[in-house]
Amino acid sequence: MGTKPEIKAVDKSDWGPGPWMKEPDRLEFEAHGMSCLMSRGPGGHWCGYAAMPPGHPGHGKHYNHDVFSDVRVHGGLTYSEECQGAICHVPKPGEPDDVWWVGFDCAHGGDLSPAYARHGSMWVGDEYRDVEWVKTETAYLARQLAAIGKEGAPNT
């Protein structure tokens, strides 16, 4: 715990033109009192995460646990883990460093992943979920997790 995140440069050189060329590849922010981060997945698609502190009913639980049964995000929850690799942050003074990250990704049917689109795997109607769209969805995730933390949850 308390380690710096492993942030690697993203090579976009053969992705082709698109909004991703001017976007950052990682974004950290706070929403609803929770640390949030966004990071690019291997296909160039965004993934969004919110961190639960110790004592939160979802801390240490797998994303398919009952405590998350009412959480709704794009494509559903697909990640839960302690701080590790790129899914980590340096806590601000006074914040816990042993948070539990829960997140989602934008690599589902109907989503456009920039790295794969260049290979002709884009389908008609696929949509790129840009940085602002994913930031809104990540904040929505944080809002739901914050509510669980305030209300507690059955079956924990």
N, C-alpha and C. Protein backbone atom coordinates (compact mmCIF):
# COMPACT_ATOMS: atom_id res chain seq x y z
N MET A 1 0.83 -1.17 0.00
CA MET A 1 0.00 0.00 0.00
C MET A 1 0.88 1.24 0.00
N GLY A 2 0.30 2.35 -0.39
CA GLY A 2 1.02 3.59 -0.36
C GLY A 2 2.08 3.71 -1.44
N THR A 3 2.03 2.84 -2.44
CA THR A 3 3.01 2.91 -3.52
C THR A 3 2.51 3.83 -4.61
N LYS A 4 3.45 4.36 -5.37
CA LYS A 4 3.07 5.20 -6.49
C LYS A 4 2.47 4.33 -7.59
N PRO A 5 1.48 4.85 -8.30
CA PRO A 5 0.90 4.08 -9.40
C PRO A 5 1.90 3.89 -10.52
N GLU A 6 1.79 2.76 -11.19
CA GLU A 6 2.64 2.48 -12.35
C GLU A 6 1.98 3.12 -13.57
N ILE A 7 2.48 4.27 -13.95
CA ILE A 7 1.90 4.99 -15.08
C ILE A 7 2.84 4.84 -16.27
N LYS A 8 2.33 4.22 -17.32
CA LYS A 8 3.11 4.00 -18.53
C LYS A 8 2.56 4.86 -19.65
N ALA A 9 3.46 5.34 -20.48
CA ALA A 9 3.04 6.13 -21.64
C ALA A 9 2.23 5.25 -22.59
N VAL A 10 1.22 5.82 -23.18
CA VAL A 10 0.38 5.11 -24.13
C VAL A 10 0.81 5.51 -25.54
N ASP A 11 1.15 4.52 -26.34
CA ASP A 11 1.54 4.77 -27.72
C ASP A 11 0.30 4.79 -28.59
N LYS A 12 -0.06 5.97 -29.07
CA LYS A 12 -1.24 6.14 -29.90
C LYS A 12 -0.86 6.30 -31.37
N SER A 13 0.38 6.07 -31.70
CA SER A 13 0.89 6.40 -33.04
C SER A 13 0.16 5.69 -34.18
N ASP A 14 -0.37 4.51 -33.95
CA ASP A 14 -1.05 3.82 -35.05
C ASP A 14 -2.55 3.64 -34.81
N TRP A 15 -3.13 4.49 -33.96
CA TRP A 15 -4.56 4.41 -33.69
C TRP A 15 -5.39 5.11 -34.74
N GLY A 16 -4.81 6.03 -35.45
CA GLY A 16 -5.58 6.81 -36.40
C GLY A 16 -6.19 8.02 -35.71
N PRO A 17 -6.73 8.92 -36.52
CA PRO A 17 -7.27 10.16 -35.95
C PRO A 17 -8.53 9.92 -35.13
N GLY A 18 -8.71 10.74 -34.14
CA GLY A 18 -9.90 10.67 -33.29
C GLY A 18 -9.70 11.53 -32.07
N PRO A 19 -10.74 11.69 -31.26
CA PRO A 19 -10.65 12.55 -30.08
C PRO A 19 -9.60 12.07 -29.08
N TRP A 20 -9.30 10.78 -29.08
CA TRP A 20 -8.32 10.21 -28.16
C TRP A 20 -6.92 10.80 -28.33
N MET A 21 -6.64 11.35 -29.50
CA MET A 21 -5.31 11.91 -29.74
C MET A 21 -5.04 13.15 -28.88
N LYS A 22 -6.09 13.87 -28.49
CA LYS A 22 -5.91 15.09 -27.70
C LYS A 22 -6.29 14.89 -26.23
N GLU A 23 -6.72 13.71 -25.87
CA GLU A 23 -7.11 13.43 -24.50
C GLU A 23 -5.91 12.96 -23.68
N PRO A 24 -5.99 13.13 -22.36
CA PRO A 24 -4.96 12.53 -21.50
C PRO A 24 -5.17 11.01 -21.50
N ASP A 25 -4.25 10.28 -20.91
CA ASP A 25 -4.39 8.83 -20.82
C ASP A 25 -4.70 8.37 -19.41
N ARG A 26 -4.72 9.32 -18.50
CA ARG A 26 -5.03 9.04 -17.09
C ARG A 26 -5.58 10.32 -16.49
N LEU A 27 -6.53 10.16 -15.60
CA LEU A 27 -7.13 11.32 -14.95
C LEU A 27 -7.50 10.93 -13.53
N GLU A 28 -7.10 11.73 -12.56
CA GLU A 28 -7.48 11.53 -11.17
C GLU A 28 -8.33 12.72 -10.73
N PHE A 29 -9.39 12.45 -9.98
CA PHE A 29 -10.26 13.51 -9.47
C PHE A 29 -11.04 12.98 -8.29
N GLU A 30 -11.77 13.86 -7.62
CA GLU A 30 -12.64 13.47 -6.52
C GLU A 30 -14.09 13.71 -6.92
N ALA A 31 -14.95 12.83 -6.48
CA ALA A 31 -16.39 12.99 -6.71
C ALA A 31 -17.13 12.39 -5.52
N HIS A 32 -18.05 13.13 -4.98
CA HIS A 32 -18.89 12.66 -3.88
C HIS A 32 -18.05 12.17 -2.70
N GLY A 33 -16.93 12.85 -2.46
CA GLY A 33 -16.06 12.52 -1.34
C GLY A 33 -15.18 11.30 -1.56
N MET A 34 -15.13 10.79 -2.79
CA MET A 34 -14.34 9.60 -3.07
C MET A 34 -13.27 9.90 -4.11
N SER A 35 -12.11 9.25 -3.94
CA SER A 35 -11.06 9.36 -4.95
C SER A 35 -11.50 8.56 -6.17
N CYS A 36 -11.30 9.14 -7.34
CA CYS A 36 -11.65 8.49 -8.60
C CYS A 36 -10.45 8.56 -9.53
N LEU A 37 -10.39 7.62 -10.42
CA LEU A 37 -9.39 7.70 -11.47
C LEU A 37 -9.91 7.04 -12.72
N MET A 38 -9.33 7.49 -13.82
CA MET A 38 -9.64 6.93 -15.13
C MET A 38 -8.32 6.58 -15.78
N SER A 39 -8.32 5.48 -16.48
CA SER A 39 -7.10 5.00 -17.12
C SER A 39 -7.49 4.29 -18.41
N ARG A 40 -6.62 4.36 -19.39
CA ARG A 40 -6.89 3.67 -20.66
C ARG A 40 -6.63 2.18 -20.52
N GLY A 41 -7.54 1.40 -21.07
CA GLY A 41 -7.34 -0.04 -21.14
C GLY A 41 -6.43 -0.37 -22.32
N PRO A 42 -6.11 -1.63 -22.51
CA PRO A 42 -5.17 -2.03 -23.56
C PRO A 42 -5.63 -1.70 -24.98
N GLY A 43 -6.92 -1.53 -25.20
CA GLY A 43 -7.41 -1.18 -26.52
C GLY A 43 -7.59 0.31 -26.73
N GLY A 44 -7.18 1.09 -25.73
CA GLY A 44 -7.34 2.53 -25.82
C GLY A 44 -8.64 3.03 -25.25
N HIS A 45 -9.52 2.12 -24.88
CA HIS A 45 -10.79 2.50 -24.27
C HIS A 45 -10.55 2.95 -22.83
N TRP A 46 -11.45 3.76 -22.33
CA TRP A 46 -11.35 4.23 -20.96
C TRP A 46 -11.91 3.22 -19.98
N CYS A 47 -11.35 3.23 -18.77
CA CYS A 47 -11.87 2.49 -17.63
C CYS A 47 -12.00 3.49 -16.50
N GLY A 48 -13.07 3.40 -15.72
CA GLY A 48 -13.29 4.32 -14.61
C GLY A 48 -13.36 3.58 -13.29
N TYR A 49 -12.80 4.19 -12.24
CA TYR A 49 -12.70 3.56 -10.93
C TYR A 49 -13.00 4.54 -9.82
N ALA A 50 -13.55 4.06 -8.73
CA ALA A 50 -13.75 4.84 -7.51
C ALA A 50 -13.19 4.02 -6.35
N ALA A 51 -12.61 4.72 -5.38
CA ALA A 51 -11.93 4.06 -4.25
C ALA A 51 -12.79 4.11 -3.00
N MET A 52 -12.94 2.96 -2.37
CA MET A 52 -13.68 2.87 -1.11
C MET A 52 -12.68 2.75 0.03
N PRO A 53 -12.85 3.57 1.07
CA PRO A 53 -11.93 3.51 2.21
C PRO A 53 -12.23 2.31 3.10
N PRO A 54 -11.30 1.96 3.98
CA PRO A 54 -11.60 0.91 4.96
C PRO A 54 -12.85 1.29 5.75
N GLY A 55 -13.65 0.31 6.08
CA GLY A 55 -14.89 0.57 6.80
C GLY A 55 -16.10 0.70 5.88
N HIS A 56 -15.86 0.93 4.61
CA HIS A 56 -16.96 0.97 3.65
C HIS A 56 -17.48 -0.45 3.48
N PRO A 57 -18.80 -0.66 3.40
CA PRO A 57 -19.33 -2.02 3.28
C PRO A 57 -18.79 -2.81 2.08
N GLY A 58 -18.33 -2.12 1.03
CA GLY A 58 -17.81 -2.81 -0.14
C GLY A 58 -16.31 -3.03 -0.13
N HIS A 59 -15.62 -2.47 0.86
CA HIS A 59 -14.15 -2.58 0.92
C HIS A 59 -13.77 -4.06 1.03
N GLY A 60 -12.92 -4.51 0.12
CA GLY A 60 -12.45 -5.89 0.13
C GLY A 60 -13.38 -6.89 -0.54
N LYS A 61 -14.49 -6.41 -1.07
CA LYS A 61 -15.46 -7.32 -1.70
C LYS A 61 -15.29 -7.36 -3.21
N HIS A 62 -15.55 -8.53 -3.80
CA HIS A 62 -15.51 -8.69 -5.26
C HIS A 62 -16.65 -7.88 -5.86
N TYR A 63 -16.44 -7.39 -7.08
CA TYR A 63 -17.44 -6.53 -7.71
C TYR A 63 -18.79 -7.20 -7.93
N ASN A 64 -18.86 -8.53 -7.88
CA ASN A 64 -20.17 -9.18 -8.04
C ASN A 64 -20.81 -9.53 -6.70
N HIS A 65 -20.26 -9.02 -5.61
CA HIS A 65 -20.84 -9.24 -4.27
C HIS A 65 -22.18 -8.51 -4.15
N ASP A 66 -23.04 -9.03 -3.30
CA ASP A 66 -24.37 -8.45 -3.09
C ASP A 66 -24.34 -6.97 -2.72
N VAL A 67 -23.29 -6.53 -2.05
CA VAL A 67 -23.23 -5.12 -1.64
C VAL A 67 -23.30 -4.18 -2.85
N PHE A 68 -22.90 -4.67 -4.02
CA PHE A 68 -22.90 -3.86 -5.24
C PHE A 68 -24.09 -4.16 -6.15
N SER A 69 -25.05 -4.93 -5.67
CA SER A 69 -26.13 -5.40 -6.54
C SER A 69 -26.96 -4.29 -7.17
N ASP A 70 -27.04 -3.13 -6.54
CA ASP A 70 -27.83 -2.04 -7.10
C ASP A 70 -26.98 -1.00 -7.84
N VAL A 71 -25.68 -1.22 -7.93
CA VAL A 71 -24.80 -0.27 -8.62
C VAL A 71 -24.98 -0.45 -10.12
N ARG A 72 -25.23 0.66 -10.80
CA ARG A 72 -25.44 0.64 -12.24
C ARG A 72 -24.43 1.57 -12.91
N VAL A 73 -23.59 1.00 -13.74
CA VAL A 73 -22.64 1.77 -14.56
C VAL A 73 -22.58 1.13 -15.93
N HIS A 74 -21.98 1.84 -16.86
CA HIS A 74 -21.85 1.37 -18.24
C HIS A 74 -21.20 -0.02 -18.28
N GLY A 75 -21.90 -0.97 -18.83
CA GLY A 75 -21.37 -2.33 -18.96
C GLY A 75 -21.32 -3.13 -17.68
N GLY A 76 -21.72 -2.55 -16.56
CA GLY A 76 -21.64 -3.22 -15.27
C GLY A 76 -20.25 -3.14 -14.67
N LEU A 77 -20.14 -3.45 -13.40
CA LEU A 77 -18.83 -3.46 -12.74
C LEU A 77 -17.98 -4.60 -13.31
N THR A 78 -16.71 -4.32 -13.52
CA THR A 78 -15.81 -5.34 -14.07
C THR A 78 -14.49 -5.43 -13.33
N TYR A 79 -14.35 -4.68 -12.22
CA TYR A 79 -13.06 -4.65 -11.54
C TYR A 79 -13.26 -4.36 -10.05
N SER A 80 -12.48 -5.05 -9.22
CA SER A 80 -12.39 -4.74 -7.79
C SER A 80 -11.05 -5.29 -7.29
N GLU A 81 -10.29 -4.42 -6.65
CA GLU A 81 -8.96 -4.84 -6.20
C GLU A 81 -8.38 -3.75 -5.31
N GLU A 82 -7.40 -4.16 -4.50
CA GLU A 82 -6.67 -3.17 -3.72
C GLU A 82 -5.77 -2.36 -4.65
N CYS A 83 -5.20 -1.33 -4.12
CA CYS A 83 -4.32 -0.45 -4.88
C CYS A 83 -3.14 -1.26 -5.44
N GLN A 84 -3.02 -1.30 -6.76
CA GLN A 84 -1.90 -2.01 -7.38
C GLN A 84 -1.74 -1.57 -8.83
N GLY A 85 -0.51 -1.62 -9.32
CA GLY A 85 -0.24 -1.26 -10.70
C GLY A 85 -0.71 0.14 -11.02
N ALA A 86 -1.34 0.29 -12.17
CA ALA A 86 -1.83 1.60 -12.59
C ALA A 86 -3.11 2.01 -11.86
N ILE A 87 -3.80 1.03 -11.27
CA ILE A 87 -5.04 1.34 -10.55
C ILE A 87 -4.67 1.60 -9.10
N CYS A 88 -4.10 2.77 -8.90
CA CYS A 88 -3.60 3.18 -7.61
C CYS A 88 -3.44 4.70 -7.65
N HIS A 89 -3.30 5.30 -6.51
CA HIS A 89 -3.06 6.73 -6.45
C HIS A 89 -2.23 7.04 -5.21
N VAL A 90 -1.69 8.21 -5.16
CA VAL A 90 -0.99 8.66 -3.98
C VAL A 90 -2.01 9.44 -3.15
N PRO A 91 -2.37 8.91 -1.98
CA PRO A 91 -3.40 9.58 -1.18
C PRO A 91 -2.94 10.96 -0.70
N LYS A 92 -3.90 11.84 -0.58
CA LYS A 92 -3.63 13.15 -0.01
C LYS A 92 -3.39 13.00 1.49
N PRO A 93 -2.73 13.96 2.11
CA PRO A 93 -2.51 13.88 3.56
C PRO A 93 -3.82 13.65 4.31
N GLY A 94 -3.81 12.69 5.20
CA GLY A 94 -5.00 12.36 5.99
C GLY A 94 -5.91 11.33 5.35
N GLU A 95 -5.69 11.01 4.08
CA GLU A 95 -6.51 9.99 3.41
C GLU A 95 -5.88 8.61 3.62
N PRO A 96 -6.71 7.57 3.70
CA PRO A 96 -6.16 6.22 3.85
C PRO A 96 -5.48 5.77 2.55
N ASP A 97 -4.46 4.93 2.70
CA ASP A 97 -3.81 4.41 1.49
C ASP A 97 -4.26 3.00 1.16
N ASP A 98 -5.04 2.38 2.05
CA ASP A 98 -5.48 1.01 1.79
C ASP A 98 -6.92 0.99 1.28
N VAL A 99 -7.15 1.74 0.21
CA VAL A 99 -8.47 1.80 -0.40
C VAL A 99 -8.72 0.57 -1.28
N TRP A 100 -9.97 0.37 -1.61
CA TRP A 100 -10.39 -0.75 -2.46
C TRP A 100 -11.05 -0.14 -3.70
N TRP A 101 -10.47 -0.41 -4.86
CA TRP A 101 -10.95 0.17 -6.11
C TRP A 101 -12.01 -0.71 -6.75
N VAL A 102 -13.07 -0.09 -7.22
CA VAL A 102 -14.13 -0.77 -7.96
C VAL A 102 -14.31 0.02 -9.26
N GLY A 103 -14.47 -0.71 -10.38
CA GLY A 103 -14.58 0.02 -11.62
C GLY A 103 -15.30 -0.70 -12.75
N PHE A 104 -15.32 -0.01 -13.87
CA PHE A 104 -15.99 -0.48 -15.08
C PHE A 104 -15.10 -0.15 -16.27
N ASP A 105 -15.42 -0.71 -17.42
CA ASP A 105 -14.65 -0.40 -18.62
C ASP A 105 -15.60 -0.07 -19.78
N CYS A 106 -15.02 0.53 -20.79
CA CYS A 106 -15.78 0.92 -21.99
C CYS A 106 -15.31 0.11 -23.19
N ALA A 107 -15.26 -1.20 -23.01
CA ALA A 107 -14.87 -2.12 -24.08
C ALA A 107 -15.93 -3.22 -24.23
N HIS A 108 -17.16 -2.79 -24.33
CA HIS A 108 -18.29 -3.72 -24.47
C HIS A 108 -18.86 -3.60 -25.88
N GLY A 109 -19.79 -4.46 -26.20
CA GLY A 109 -20.47 -4.36 -27.48
C GLY A 109 -21.04 -2.96 -27.65
N GLY A 110 -20.77 -2.35 -28.77
CA GLY A 110 -21.22 -0.99 -29.02
C GLY A 110 -20.19 0.07 -28.68
N ASP A 111 -19.11 -0.32 -28.00
CA ASP A 111 -18.04 0.61 -27.65
C ASP A 111 -16.93 0.53 -28.68
N LEU A 112 -16.35 1.66 -28.98
CA LEU A 112 -15.21 1.71 -29.89
C LEU A 112 -13.92 1.81 -29.09
N SER A 113 -13.01 0.89 -29.32
CA SER A 113 -11.68 0.92 -28.72
C SER A 113 -10.71 1.38 -29.80
N PRO A 114 -10.07 2.54 -29.65
CA PRO A 114 -9.25 3.13 -30.71
C PRO A 114 -8.18 2.20 -31.29
N ALA A 115 -7.52 1.41 -30.46
CA ALA A 115 -6.44 0.55 -30.96
C ALA A 115 -6.97 -0.56 -31.86
N TYR A 116 -8.20 -0.99 -31.64
CA TYR A 116 -8.76 -2.08 -32.44
C TYR A 116 -9.47 -1.57 -33.68
N ALA A 117 -9.93 -0.33 -33.64
CA ALA A 117 -10.64 0.24 -34.78
C ALA A 117 -9.75 0.28 -36.01
N ARG A 118 -8.47 0.46 -35.82
CA ARG A 118 -7.54 0.53 -36.96
C ARG A 118 -7.43 -0.81 -37.69
N HIS A 119 -7.81 -1.88 -37.03
CA HIS A 119 -7.76 -3.20 -37.66
C HIS A 119 -9.08 -3.59 -38.30
N GLY A 120 -9.98 -2.65 -38.41
CA GLY A 120 -11.25 -2.94 -39.05
C GLY A 120 -12.24 -3.66 -38.16
N SER A 121 -12.00 -3.67 -36.84
CA SER A 121 -12.93 -4.38 -35.95
C SER A 121 -14.04 -3.46 -35.45
N MET A 122 -14.11 -2.26 -35.99
CA MET A 122 -15.18 -1.35 -35.60
C MET A 122 -16.47 -1.75 -36.31
N TRP A 123 -17.54 -1.74 -35.58
CA TRP A 123 -18.84 -2.07 -36.14
C TRP A 123 -19.62 -0.79 -36.35
N VAL A 124 -20.52 -0.82 -37.29
CA VAL A 124 -21.39 0.33 -37.51
C VAL A 124 -22.15 0.58 -36.21
N GLY A 125 -22.12 1.81 -35.76
CA GLY A 125 -22.81 2.15 -34.53
C GLY A 125 -21.92 2.12 -33.30
N ASP A 126 -20.70 1.60 -33.41
CA ASP A 126 -19.81 1.64 -32.25
C ASP A 126 -19.56 3.09 -31.87
N GLU A 127 -19.46 3.34 -30.58
CA GLU A 127 -19.29 4.71 -30.09
C GLU A 127 -18.09 4.80 -29.18
N TYR A 128 -17.26 5.80 -29.42
CA TYR A 128 -16.12 6.04 -28.54
C TYR A 128 -16.62 6.80 -27.32
N ARG A 129 -16.37 6.28 -26.14
CA ARG A 129 -16.74 6.93 -24.88
C ARG A 129 -15.58 7.84 -24.49
N ASP A 130 -15.74 9.13 -24.72
CA ASP A 130 -14.63 10.06 -24.53
C ASP A 130 -14.41 10.41 -23.06
N VAL A 131 -13.36 11.19 -22.81
CA VAL A 131 -12.93 11.50 -21.46
C VAL A 131 -14.04 12.14 -20.63
N GLU A 132 -14.80 13.06 -21.19
CA GLU A 132 -15.86 13.71 -20.43
C GLU A 132 -17.01 12.75 -20.13
N TRP A 133 -17.36 11.90 -21.09
CA TRP A 133 -18.42 10.92 -20.87
C TRP A 133 -18.04 9.97 -19.74
N VAL A 134 -16.80 9.48 -19.77
CA VAL A 134 -16.35 8.52 -18.76
C VAL A 134 -16.17 9.20 -17.40
N LYS A 135 -15.77 10.45 -17.39
CA LYS A 135 -15.66 11.17 -16.11
C LYS A 135 -17.04 11.28 -15.46
N THR A 136 -18.06 11.58 -16.25
CA THR A 136 -19.43 11.66 -15.73
C THR A 136 -19.87 10.31 -15.19
N GLU A 137 -19.59 9.24 -15.91
CA GLU A 137 -19.99 7.89 -15.49
C GLU A 137 -19.21 7.46 -14.24
N THR A 138 -17.95 7.84 -14.15
CA THR A 138 -17.14 7.51 -12.97
C THR A 138 -17.66 8.26 -11.75
N ALA A 139 -18.03 9.52 -11.92
CA ALA A 139 -18.62 10.29 -10.82
C ALA A 139 -19.94 9.66 -10.38
N TYR A 140 -20.70 9.14 -11.34
CA TYR A 140 -21.95 8.46 -11.02
C TYR A 140 -21.67 7.20 -10.19
N LEU A 141 -20.63 6.47 -10.55
CA LEU A 141 -20.21 5.30 -9.76
C LEU A 141 -19.86 5.74 -8.34
N ALA A 142 -19.06 6.80 -8.21
CA ALA A 142 -18.67 7.30 -6.88
C ALA A 142 -19.90 7.69 -6.06
N ARG A 143 -20.87 8.33 -6.70
CA ARG A 143 -22.09 8.72 -5.98
C ARG A 143 -22.81 7.50 -5.42
N GLN A 144 -22.90 6.46 -6.22
CA GLN A 144 -23.58 5.24 -5.76
C GLN A 144 -22.81 4.57 -4.63
N LEU A 145 -21.48 4.50 -4.75
CA LEU A 145 -20.67 3.88 -3.70
C LEU A 145 -20.71 4.70 -2.42
N ALA A 146 -20.71 6.03 -2.54
CA ALA A 146 -20.80 6.89 -1.36
C ALA A 146 -22.12 6.66 -0.64
N ALA A 147 -23.19 6.48 -1.39
CA ALA A 147 -24.50 6.22 -0.79
C ALA A 147 -24.50 4.89 -0.04
N ILE A 148 -23.87 3.87 -0.61
CA ILE A 148 -23.76 2.58 0.08
C ILE A 148 -22.99 2.76 1.38
N GLY A 149 -21.93 3.56 1.33
CA GLY A 149 -21.11 3.79 2.52
C GLY A 149 -21.88 4.49 3.62
N LYS A 150 -22.80 5.37 3.27
CA LYS A 150 -23.60 6.11 4.26
C LYS A 150 -24.72 5.25 4.82
N GLU A 151 -25.33 4.47 3.95
CA GLU A 151 -26.50 3.69 4.36
C GLU A 151 -26.13 2.33 4.91
N GLY A 152 -24.91 1.87 4.60
CA GLY A 152 -24.58 0.50 4.92
C GLY A 152 -25.24 -0.39 3.88
N ALA A 153 -25.07 -1.65 3.98
CA ALA A 153 -25.67 -2.53 2.98
C ALA A 153 -25.98 -3.87 3.62
N PRO A 154 -27.07 -4.48 3.21
CA PRO A 154 -27.38 -5.82 3.72
C PRO A 154 -26.40 -6.84 3.14
N ASN A 155 -26.32 -7.96 3.76
CA ASN A 155 -25.50 -9.10 3.27
C ASN A 155 -24.02 -8.77 3.15
N THR A 156 -23.48 -7.96 4.03
CA THR A 156 -22.05 -7.67 3.92
C THR A 156 -21.24 -8.66 4.67
